[in-house]
Amino acid sequence: MIPERAKQLLDKDGFISAYYEGVRAGQSCKEAFEAVNEEYKMFFDKYRYTDYRSFAESRDYAYRKFRKEARRALKHKFFKP
């Protein structure tokens, strides 16, 4: 049986969420990333991201996509013809 934490880390959003847990706990961005990436390696015997930069690009893309969808939803909510 796969642990819940491993299931969380399989999903990109879950990995990012685990990263932000570390940041909120007081770790630097890079420390939080390295801790979560090591945890991922512990479960799956490989790293999810090769380095912090590749992770940051993925994280930033996900954030931009979320913001774009949120703006679109607000626009449609308030400006329905």
PDB file of N, CA and C in Angstrom:
ATOM      1  N   MET A   1       0.839  -1.181   0.000  1.00  0.00           N
ATOM      2  CA  MET A   1       0.000   0.000   0.000  1.00  0.00           C
ATOM      3  C   MET A   1       0.887   1.250   0.000  1.00  0.00           C
ATOM      4  N   ILE A   2       0.494   2.216  -0.801  1.00  0.00           N
ATOM      5  CA  ILE A   2       1.274   3.446  -0.934  1.00  0.00           C
ATOM      6  C   ILE A   2       0.872   4.434   0.155  1.00  0.00           C
ATOM      7  N   PRO A   3       1.842   4.989   0.902  1.00  0.00           N
ATOM      8  CA  PRO A   3       1.521   5.975   1.937  1.00  0.00           C
ATOM      9  C   PRO A   3       0.873   7.236   1.328  1.00  0.00           C
ATOM     10  N   GLU A   4       0.041   7.891   2.112  1.00  0.00           N
ATOM     11  CA  GLU A   4      -0.642   9.099   1.645  1.00  0.00           C
ATOM     12  C   GLU A   4       0.345  10.187   1.235  1.00  0.00           C
ATOM     13  N   ARG A   5       1.429  10.315   1.969  1.00  0.00           N
ATOM     14  CA  ARG A   5       2.422  11.340   1.644  1.00  0.00           C
ATOM     15  C   ARG A   5       3.033  11.071   0.275  1.00  0.00           C
ATOM     16  N   ALA A   6       3.290   9.805  -0.043  1.00  0.00           N
ATOM     17  CA  ALA A   6       3.839   9.458  -1.359  1.00  0.00           C
ATOM     18  C   ALA A   6       2.834   9.800  -2.450  1.00  0.00           C
ATOM     19  N   LYS A   7       1.564   9.539  -2.205  1.00  0.00           N
ATOM     20  CA  LYS A   7       0.528   9.894  -3.179  1.00  0.00           C
ATOM     21  C   LYS A   7       0.487  11.396  -3.395  1.00  0.00           C
ATOM     22  N   GLN A   8       0.644  12.152  -2.305  1.00  0.00           N
ATOM     23  CA  GLN A   8       0.638  13.609  -2.414  1.00  0.00           C
ATOM     24  C   GLN A   8       1.800  14.077  -3.288  1.00  0.00           C
ATOM     25  N   LEU A   9       2.976  13.512  -3.085  1.00  0.00           N
ATOM     26  CA  LEU A   9       4.159  13.953  -3.816  1.00  0.00           C
ATOM     27  C   LEU A   9       4.134  13.538  -5.281  1.00  0.00           C
ATOM     28  N   LEU A  10       3.343  12.541  -5.634  1.00  0.00           N
ATOM     29  CA  LEU A  10       3.222  12.137  -7.033  1.00  0.00           C
ATOM     30  C   LEU A  10       2.600  13.227  -7.887  1.00  0.00           C
ATOM     31  N   ASP A  11       1.695  13.982  -7.306  1.00  0.00           N
ATOM     32  CA  ASP A  11       1.001  15.047  -8.012  1.00  0.00           C
ATOM     33  C   ASP A  11       1.817  16.336  -7.937  1.00  0.00           C
ATOM     34  N   LYS A  12       1.917  17.063  -9.045  1.00  0.00           N
ATOM     35  CA  LYS A  12       2.702  18.304  -9.054  1.00  0.00           C
ATOM     36  C   LYS A  12       2.182  19.287  -8.023  1.00  0.00           C
ATOM     37  N   ASP A  13       0.866  19.448  -7.932  1.00  0.00           N
ATOM     38  CA  ASP A  13       0.301  20.371  -6.948  1.00  0.00           C
ATOM     39  C   ASP A  13       0.581  19.911  -5.523  1.00  0.00           C
ATOM     40  N   GLY A  14       0.583  18.611  -5.304  1.00  0.00           N
ATOM     41  CA  GLY A  14       0.904  18.076  -3.989  1.00  0.00           C
ATOM     42  C   GLY A  14       2.355  18.321  -3.614  1.00  0.00           C
ATOM     43  N   PHE A  15       3.252  18.200  -4.593  1.00  0.00           N
ATOM     44  CA  PHE A  15       4.664  18.469  -4.363  1.00  0.00           C
ATOM     45  C   PHE A  15       4.849  19.934  -3.994  1.00  0.00           C
ATOM     46  N   ILE A  16       4.194  20.815  -4.732  1.00  0.00           N
ATOM     47  CA  ILE A  16       4.293  22.251  -4.461  1.00  0.00           C
ATOM     48  C   ILE A  16       3.713  22.568  -3.088  1.00  0.00           C
ATOM     49  N   SER A  17       2.612  21.928  -2.729  1.00  0.00           N
ATOM     50  CA  SER A  17       2.003  22.131  -1.419  1.00  0.00           C
ATOM     51  C   SER A  17       2.959  21.703  -0.299  1.00  0.00           C
ATOM     52  N   ALA A  18       3.632  20.572  -0.479  1.00  0.00           N
ATOM     53  CA  ALA A  18       4.600  20.099   0.514  1.00  0.00           C
ATOM     54  C   ALA A  18       5.769  21.081   0.619  1.00  0.00           C
ATOM     55  N   TYR A  19       6.168  21.648  -0.500  1.00  0.00           N
ATOM     56  CA  TYR A  19       7.234  22.658  -0.509  1.00  0.00           C
ATOM     57  C   TYR A  19       6.820  23.872   0.318  1.00  0.00           C
ATOM     58  N   TYR A  20       5.592  24.355   0.128  1.00  0.00           N
ATOM     59  CA  TYR A  20       5.135  25.516   0.882  1.00  0.00           C
ATOM     60  C   TYR A  20       4.973  25.217   2.370  1.00  0.00           C
ATOM     61  N   GLU A  21       4.696  23.964   2.726  1.00  0.00           N
ATOM     62  CA  GLU A  21       4.665  23.588   4.141  1.00  0.00           C
ATOM     63  C   GLU A  21       6.040  23.830   4.767  1.00  0.00           C
ATOM     64  N   GLY A  22       7.078  23.457   4.050  1.00  0.00           N
ATOM     65  CA  GLY A  22       8.436  23.670   4.543  1.00  0.00           C
ATOM     66  C   GLY A  22       8.785  25.142   4.654  1.00  0.00           C
ATOM     67  N   VAL A  23       8.361  25.920   3.668  1.00  0.00           N
ATOM     68  CA  VAL A  23       8.635  27.361   3.697  1.00  0.00           C
ATOM     69  C   VAL A  23       7.926  28.001   4.887  1.00  0.00           C
ATOM     70  N   ARG A  24       6.664  27.613   5.115  1.00  0.00           N
ATOM     71  CA  ARG A  24       5.911  28.157   6.259  1.00  0.00           C
ATOM     72  C   ARG A  24       6.538  27.733   7.585  1.00  0.00           C
ATOM     73  N   ALA A  25       7.205  26.594   7.588  1.00  0.00           N
ATOM     74  CA  ALA A  25       7.853  26.101   8.812  1.00  0.00           C
ATOM     75  C   ALA A  25       9.174  26.819   9.092  1.00  0.00           C
ATOM     76  N   GLY A  26       9.602  27.686   8.178  1.00  0.00           N
ATOM     77  CA  GLY A  26      10.796  28.466   8.423  1.00  0.00           C
ATOM     78  C   GLY A  26      11.998  28.103   7.579  1.00  0.00           C
ATOM     79  N   GLN A  27      11.869  27.143   6.702  1.00  0.00           N
ATOM     80  CA  GLN A  27      12.981  26.786   5.829  1.00  0.00           C
ATOM     81  C   GLN A  27      13.091  27.816   4.708  1.00  0.00           C
ATOM     82  N   SER A  28      14.289  27.959   4.176  1.00  0.00           N
ATOM     83  CA  SER A  28      14.445  28.807   2.995  1.00  0.00           C
ATOM     84  C   SER A  28      13.799  28.078   1.817  1.00  0.00           C
ATOM     85  N   CYS A  29      13.588  28.794   0.733  1.00  0.00           N
ATOM     86  CA  CYS A  29      12.958  28.181  -0.445  1.00  0.00           C
ATOM     87  C   CYS A  29      13.761  26.979  -0.933  1.00  0.00           C
ATOM     88  N   LYS A  30      15.052  27.153  -1.027  1.00  0.00           N
ATOM     89  CA  LYS A  30      15.899  26.070  -1.531  1.00  0.00           C
ATOM     90  C   LYS A  30      15.947  24.900  -0.551  1.00  0.00           C
ATOM     91  N   GLU A  31      16.001  25.177   0.748  1.00  0.00           N
ATOM     92  CA  GLU A  31      16.009  24.106   1.753  1.00  0.00           C
ATOM     93  C   GLU A  31      14.710  23.310   1.703  1.00  0.00           C
ATOM     94  N   ALA A  32      13.590  24.011   1.587  1.00  0.00           N
ATOM     95  CA  ALA A  32      12.290  23.337   1.525  1.00  0.00           C
ATOM     96  C   ALA A  32      12.210  22.459   0.284  1.00  0.00           C
ATOM     97  N   PHE A  33      12.684  22.983  -0.848  1.00  0.00           N
ATOM     98  CA  PHE A  33      12.685  22.191  -2.078  1.00  0.00           C
ATOM     99  C   PHE A  33      13.531  20.941  -1.917  1.00  0.00           C
ATOM    100  N   GLU A  34      14.749  21.111  -1.401  1.00  0.00           N
ATOM    101  CA  GLU A  34      15.656  19.971  -1.260  1.00  0.00           C
ATOM    102  C   GLU A  34      15.083  18.915  -0.316  1.00  0.00           C
ATOM    103  N   ALA A  35      14.422  19.343   0.747  1.00  0.00           N
ATOM    104  CA  ALA A  35      13.827  18.392   1.693  1.00  0.00           C
ATOM    105  C   ALA A  35      12.713  17.586   1.026  1.00  0.00           C
ATOM    106  N   VAL A  36      11.863  18.264   0.291  1.00  0.00           N
ATOM    107  CA  VAL A  36      10.749  17.567  -0.364  1.00  0.00           C
ATOM    108  C   VAL A  36      11.267  16.691  -1.494  1.00  0.00           C
ATOM    109  N   ASN A  37      12.239  17.169  -2.243  1.00  0.00           N
ATOM    110  CA  ASN A  37      12.801  16.369  -3.330  1.00  0.00           C
ATOM    111  C   ASN A  37      13.493  15.118  -2.780  1.00  0.00           C
ATOM    112  N   GLU A  38      14.166  15.239  -1.643  1.00  0.00           N
ATOM    113  CA  GLU A  38      14.785  14.063  -0.992  1.00  0.00           C
ATOM    114  C   GLU A  38      13.713  13.091  -0.507  1.00  0.00           C
ATOM    115  N   GLU A  39      12.626  13.640   0.032  1.00  0.00           N
ATOM    116  CA  GLU A  39      11.524  12.784   0.477  1.00  0.00           C
ATOM    117  C   GLU A  39      10.941  12.017  -0.712  1.00  0.00           C
ATOM    118  N   TYR A  40      10.797  12.699  -1.832  1.00  0.00           N
ATOM    119  CA  TYR A  40      10.315  12.047  -3.054  1.00  0.00           C
ATOM    120  C   TYR A  40      11.265  10.919  -3.455  1.00  0.00           C
ATOM    121  N   LYS A  41      12.574  11.193  -3.389  1.00  0.00           N
ATOM    122  CA  LYS A  41      13.570  10.172  -3.740  1.00  0.00           C
ATOM    123  C   LYS A  41      13.491   8.980  -2.796  1.00  0.00           C
ATOM    124  N   MET A  42      13.197   9.232  -1.537  1.00  0.00           N
ATOM    125  CA  MET A  42      13.074   8.151  -0.565  1.00  0.00           C
ATOM    126  C   MET A  42      11.939   7.192  -0.972  1.00  0.00           C
ATOM    127  N   PHE A  43      10.840   7.753  -1.481  1.00  0.00           N
ATOM    128  CA  PHE A  43       9.710   6.928  -1.885  1.00  0.00           C
ATOM    129  C   PHE A  43       9.915   6.260  -3.242  1.00  0.00           C
ATOM    130  N   PHE A  44      10.511   6.964  -4.205  1.00  0.00           N
ATOM    131  CA  PHE A  44      10.506   6.511  -5.594  1.00  0.00           C
ATOM    132  C   PHE A  44      11.880   6.269  -6.203  1.00  0.00           C
ATOM    133  N   ASP A  45      12.943   6.383  -5.412  1.00  0.00           N
ATOM    134  CA  ASP A  45      14.315   6.105  -5.852  1.00  0.00           C
ATOM    135  C   ASP A  45      14.796   6.978  -7.011  1.00  0.00           C
ATOM    136  N   LYS A  46      14.198   8.134  -7.184  1.00  0.00           N
ATOM    137  CA  LYS A  46      14.686   9.120  -8.144  1.00  0.00           C
ATOM    138  C   LYS A  46      14.144  10.483  -7.726  1.00  0.00           C
ATOM    139  N   TYR A  47      14.815  11.516  -8.194  1.00  0.00           N
ATOM    140  CA  TYR A  47      14.353  12.868  -7.884  1.00  0.00           C
ATOM    141  C   TYR A  47      13.235  13.258  -8.838  1.00  0.00           C
ATOM    142  N   ARG A  48      12.301  14.061  -8.348  1.00  0.00           N
ATOM    143  CA  ARG A  48      11.239  14.553  -9.220  1.00  0.00           C
ATOM    144  C   ARG A  48      11.770  15.675 -10.104  1.00  0.00           C
ATOM    145  N   TYR A  49      12.587  16.548  -9.536  1.00  0.00           N
ATOM    146  CA  TYR A  49      13.176  17.670 -10.268  1.00  0.00           C
ATOM    147  C   TYR A  49      14.692  17.574 -10.175  1.00  0.00           C
ATOM    148  N   THR A  50      15.375  17.944 -11.247  1.00  0.00           N
ATOM    149  CA  THR A  50      16.832  17.830 -11.270  1.00  0.00           C
ATOM    150  C   THR A  50      17.498  18.880 -10.392  1.00  0.00           C
ATOM    151  N   ASP A  51      16.891  20.068 -10.301  1.00  0.00           N
ATOM    152  CA  ASP A  51      17.446  21.122  -9.471  1.00  0.00           C
ATOM    153  C   ASP A  51      16.351  22.126  -9.102  1.00  0.00           C
ATOM    154  N   TYR A  52      16.716  23.078  -8.262  1.00  0.00           N
ATOM    155  CA  TYR A  52      15.742  24.066  -7.786  1.00  0.00           C
ATOM    156  C   TYR A  52      15.188  24.902  -8.929  1.00  0.00           C
ATOM    157  N   ARG A  53      16.023  25.212  -9.888  1.00  0.00           N
ATOM    158  CA  ARG A  53      15.559  26.047 -11.006  1.00  0.00           C
ATOM    159  C   ARG A  53      14.442  25.375 -11.802  1.00  0.00           C
ATOM    160  N   SER A  54      14.586  24.092 -12.096  1.00  0.00           N
ATOM    161  CA  SER A  54      13.539  23.400 -12.852  1.00  0.00           C
ATOM    162  C   SER A  54      12.243  23.335 -12.029  1.00  0.00           C
ATOM    163  N   PHE A  55      12.371  23.158 -10.724  1.00  0.00           N
ATOM    164  CA  PHE A  55      11.192  23.171  -9.862  1.00  0.00           C
ATOM    165  C   PHE A  55      10.548  24.551  -9.850  1.00  0.00           C
ATOM    166  N   ALA A  56      11.358  25.603  -9.732  1.00  0.00           N
ATOM    167  CA  ALA A  56      10.824  26.972  -9.671  1.00  0.00           C
ATOM    168  C   ALA A  56      10.085  27.318 -10.952  1.00  0.00           C
ATOM    169  N   GLU A  57      10.579  26.881 -12.093  1.00  0.00           N
ATOM    170  CA  GLU A  57       9.888  27.129 -13.356  1.00  0.00           C
ATOM    171  C   GLU A  57       8.528  26.445 -13.370  1.00  0.00           C
ATOM    172  N   SER A  58       8.469  25.218 -12.881  1.00  0.00           N
ATOM    173  CA  SER A  58       7.211  24.485 -12.819  1.00  0.00           C
ATOM    174  C   SER A  58       6.244  25.140 -11.830  1.00  0.00           C
ATOM    175  N   ARG A  59       6.765  25.534 -10.673  1.00  0.00           N
ATOM    176  CA  ARG A  59       5.944  26.204  -9.653  1.00  0.00           C
ATOM    177  C   ARG A  59       5.389  27.522 -10.173  1.00  0.00           C
ATOM    178  N   ASP A  60       6.230  28.301 -10.822  1.00  0.00           N
ATOM    179  CA  ASP A  60       5.794  29.598 -11.335  1.00  0.00           C
ATOM    180  C   ASP A  60       4.778  29.447 -12.458  1.00  0.00           C
ATOM    181  N   TYR A  61       4.958  28.436 -13.310  1.00  0.00           N
ATOM    182  CA  TYR A  61       3.989  28.173 -14.372  1.00  0.00           C
ATOM    183  C   TYR A  61       2.631  27.820 -13.774  1.00  0.00           C
ATOM    184  N   ALA A  62       2.637  26.971 -12.752  1.00  0.00           N
ATOM    185  CA  ALA A  62       1.382  26.583 -12.101  1.00  0.00           C
ATOM    186  C   ALA A  62       0.700  27.801 -11.473  1.00  0.00           C
ATOM    187  N   TYR A  63       1.479  28.693 -10.881  1.00  0.00           N
ATOM    188  CA  TYR A  63       0.919  29.900 -10.266  1.00  0.00           C
ATOM    189  C   TYR A  63       0.326  30.821 -11.330  1.00  0.00           C
ATOM    190  N   ARG A  64       1.051  31.028 -12.425  1.00  0.00           N
ATOM    191  CA  ARG A  64       0.529  31.889 -13.494  1.00  0.00           C
ATOM    192  C   ARG A  64      -0.747  31.308 -14.073  1.00  0.00           C
ATOM    193  N   LYS A  65      -0.805  29.998 -14.250  1.00  0.00           N
ATOM    194  CA  LYS A  65      -1.997  29.342 -14.778  1.00  0.00           C
ATOM    195  C   LYS A  65      -3.174  29.531 -13.821  1.00  0.00           C
ATOM    196  N   PHE A  66      -2.931  29.373 -12.525  1.00  0.00           N
ATOM    197  CA  PHE A  66      -3.978  29.562 -11.526  1.00  0.00           C
ATOM    198  C   PHE A  66      -4.509  30.990 -11.561  1.00  0.00           C
ATOM    199  N   ARG A  67      -3.597  31.971 -11.615  1.00  0.00           N
ATOM    200  CA  ARG A  67      -4.000  33.389 -11.633  1.00  0.00           C
ATOM    201  C   ARG A  67      -4.820  33.700 -12.892  1.00  0.00           C
ATOM    202  N   LYS A  68      -4.410  33.161 -14.019  1.00  0.00           N
ATOM    203  CA  LYS A  68      -5.124  33.400 -15.277  1.00  0.00           C
ATOM    204  C   LYS A  68      -6.542  32.837 -15.200  1.00  0.00           C
ATOM    205  N   GLU A  69      -6.675  31.624 -14.666  1.00  0.00           N
ATOM    206  CA  GLU A  69      -7.994  31.007 -14.521  1.00  0.00           C
ATOM    207  C   GLU A  69      -8.857  31.778 -13.530  1.00  0.00           C
ATOM    208  N   ALA A  70      -8.255  32.275 -12.459  1.00  0.00           N
ATOM    209  CA  ALA A  70      -8.997  33.049 -11.462  1.00  0.00           C
ATOM    210  C   ALA A  70      -9.504  34.358 -12.062  1.00  0.00           C
ATOM    211  N   ARG A  71      -8.663  35.035 -12.830  1.00  0.00           N
ATOM    212  CA  ARG A  71      -9.091  36.288 -13.478  1.00  0.00           C
ATOM    213  C   ARG A  71     -10.215  36.031 -14.465  1.00  0.00           C
ATOM    214  N   ARG A  72     -10.095  34.942 -15.215  1.00  0.00           N
ATOM    215  CA  ARG A  72     -11.131  34.592 -16.192  1.00  0.00           C
ATOM    216  C   ARG A  72     -12.454  34.294 -15.473  1.00  0.00           C
ATOM    217  N   ALA A  73     -12.396  33.586 -14.365  1.00  0.00           N
ATOM    218  CA  ALA A  73     -13.613  33.261 -13.614  1.00  0.00           C
ATOM    219  C   ALA A  73     -14.260  34.532 -13.062  1.00  0.00           C
ATOM    220  N   LEU A  74     -13.453  35.456 -12.544  1.00  0.00           N
ATOM    221  CA  LEU A  74     -13.998  36.710 -12.021  1.00  0.00           C
ATOM    222  C   LEU A  74     -14.610  37.545 -13.132  1.00  0.00           C
ATOM    223  N   LYS A  75     -13.959  37.569 -14.268  1.00  0.00           N
ATOM    224  CA  LYS A  75     -14.459  38.345 -15.401  1.00  0.00           C
ATOM    225  C   LYS A  75     -15.831  37.828 -15.820  1.00  0.00           C
ATOM    226  N   HIS A  76     -15.984  36.534 -15.918  1.00  0.00           N
ATOM    227  CA  HIS A  76     -17.254  35.939 -16.331  1.00  0.00           C
ATOM    228  C   HIS A  76     -18.322  36.090 -15.248  1.00  0.00           C
ATOM    229  N   LYS A  77     -17.897  36.112 -14.005  1.00  0.00           N
ATOM    230  CA  LYS A  77     -18.855  36.238 -12.903  1.00  0.00           C
ATOM    231  C   LYS A  77     -19.477  37.618 -12.878  1.00  0.00           C
ATOM    232  N   PHE A  78     -18.685  38.659 -13.107  1.00  0.00           N
ATOM    233  CA  PHE A  78     -19.176  40.024 -12.966  1.00  0.00           C
ATOM    234  C   PHE A  78     -19.633  40.669 -14.280  1.00  0.00           C
ATOM    235  N   PHE A  79     -19.239  40.114 -15.396  1.00  0.00           N
ATOM    236  CA  PHE A  79     -19.549  40.768 -16.675  1.00  0.00           C
ATOM    237  C   PHE A  79     -20.357  39.869 -17.605  1.00  0.00           C
ATOM    238  N   LYS A  80     -21.312  39.158 -17.060  1.00  0.00           N
ATOM    239  CA  LYS A  80     -22.171  38.322 -17.898  1.00  0.00           C
ATOM    240  C   LYS A  80     -23.139  39.220 -18.657  1.00  0.00           C
ATOM    241  N   PRO A  81     -23.288  39.006 -19.960  1.00  0.00           N
ATOM    242  CA  PRO A  81     -24.233  39.822 -20.741  1.00  0.00           C
ATOM    243  C   PRO A  81     -25.667  39.481 -20.439  1.00  0.00           C
TER     244      PRO A  81
END
